[in-house]
Amino acid sequence: MTPVEDVRKEMKKYETYRNAFYELFDRKIPKKENGLFDFENAPTLDAKEVYDLFFKLDYQARKLRGLLIEARDIKVG
């Protein structure tokens, strides 16, 4: 697999995790008339459920960062 194909594959995973994270918000948090989440009137969320989804999203973002740096030969630091 080429570096670009690796990035594409991992971007699809990132989008899957991102969608799952926001799907949780869509299910659990009401929205205001303007479409923004109404956190003030939202029930308490299960911290473990939020953390599990966030961890997957964050891990995938860090994985992508490494692949992009490698694919583009970007000098960091």
Protein backbone atom coordinates (compact mmCIF):
# COMPACT_ATOMS: atom_id res chain seq x y z
CA MET A 1 0.00 0.00 0.00
CA THR A 2 1.32 3.48 -0.84
CA PRO A 3 1.50 6.26 1.75
CA VAL A 4 -1.45 8.00 0.07
CA GLU A 5 -3.52 4.81 0.19
CA ASP A 6 -2.63 4.43 3.87
CA VAL A 7 -3.84 7.96 4.54
CA ARG A 8 -7.09 7.38 2.64
CA LYS A 9 -7.74 4.15 4.57
CA GLU A 10 -7.10 5.81 7.92
CA MET A 11 -9.16 8.90 6.97
CA LYS A 12 -12.15 6.62 6.42
CA LYS A 13 -11.67 5.19 9.92
CA TYR A 14 -11.35 8.72 11.32
CA GLU A 15 -14.62 9.74 9.68
CA THR A 16 -16.32 6.64 11.10
CA TYR A 17 -15.18 7.49 14.64
CA ARG A 18 -16.05 11.17 14.21
CA ASN A 19 -19.55 10.26 13.01
CA ALA A 20 -20.02 7.90 15.96
CA PHE A 21 -18.97 10.65 18.37
CA TYR A 22 -21.45 13.15 16.96
CA GLU A 23 -24.16 10.50 16.66
CA LEU A 24 -23.96 10.12 20.43
CA PHE A 25 -24.51 13.86 20.82
CA ASP A 26 -27.38 13.77 18.32
CA ARG A 27 -29.05 10.96 20.28
CA LYS A 28 -28.54 12.34 23.76
CA ILE A 29 -28.44 16.15 23.55
CA PRO A 30 -31.42 18.24 22.44
CA LYS A 31 -30.86 21.01 19.94
CA LYS A 32 -31.84 24.63 20.09
CA GLU A 33 -33.98 26.20 17.36
CA ASN A 34 -30.80 27.37 15.62
CA GLY A 35 -29.56 23.77 15.40
CA LEU A 36 -26.81 24.07 18.02
CA PHE A 37 -26.62 21.56 20.83
CA ASP A 38 -28.50 22.67 23.93
CA PHE A 39 -25.98 21.63 26.57
CA GLU A 40 -27.78 23.61 29.27
CA ASN A 41 -30.87 21.41 28.98
CA ALA A 42 -29.09 18.17 28.19
CA PRO A 43 -29.15 15.17 30.49
CA THR A 44 -25.88 14.03 32.02
CA LEU A 45 -23.94 11.85 29.61
CA ASP A 46 -22.22 8.62 30.54
CA ALA A 47 -18.60 9.72 30.93
CA LYS A 48 -17.22 6.28 29.99
CA GLU A 49 -19.26 6.20 26.78
CA VAL A 50 -18.04 9.68 25.83
CA TYR A 51 -14.44 8.83 26.74
CA ASP A 52 -14.49 5.58 24.76
CA LEU A 53 -15.65 7.38 21.62
CA PHE A 54 -13.30 10.33 22.15
CA PHE A 55 -10.33 8.03 22.72
CA LYS A 56 -10.94 6.25 19.40
CA LEU A 57 -11.30 9.58 17.60
CA ASP A 58 -8.19 11.05 19.24
CA TYR A 59 -6.12 7.91 18.62
CA GLN A 60 -7.11 7.91 14.96
CA ALA A 61 -6.23 11.62 14.62
CA ARG A 62 -2.78 10.98 16.10
CA LYS A 63 -2.30 7.99 13.80
CA LEU A 64 -3.25 10.12 10.78
CA ARG A 65 -0.90 12.87 11.89
CA GLY A 66 2.01 10.43 11.80
CA LEU A 67 1.02 9.07 8.40
CA LEU A 68 0.65 12.55 6.92
CA ILE A 69 4.01 13.65 8.30
CA GLU A 70 5.63 10.54 6.85
CA ALA A 71 3.80 10.74 3.50
CA ARG A 72 4.72 14.40 3.01
CA ASP A 73 8.17 14.16 4.62
CA ILE A 74 7.23 17.02 6.92
CA LYS A 75 9.83 18.10 9.45
CA VAL A 76 8.31 18.53 12.90
CA GLY A 77 10.11 20.29 15.74
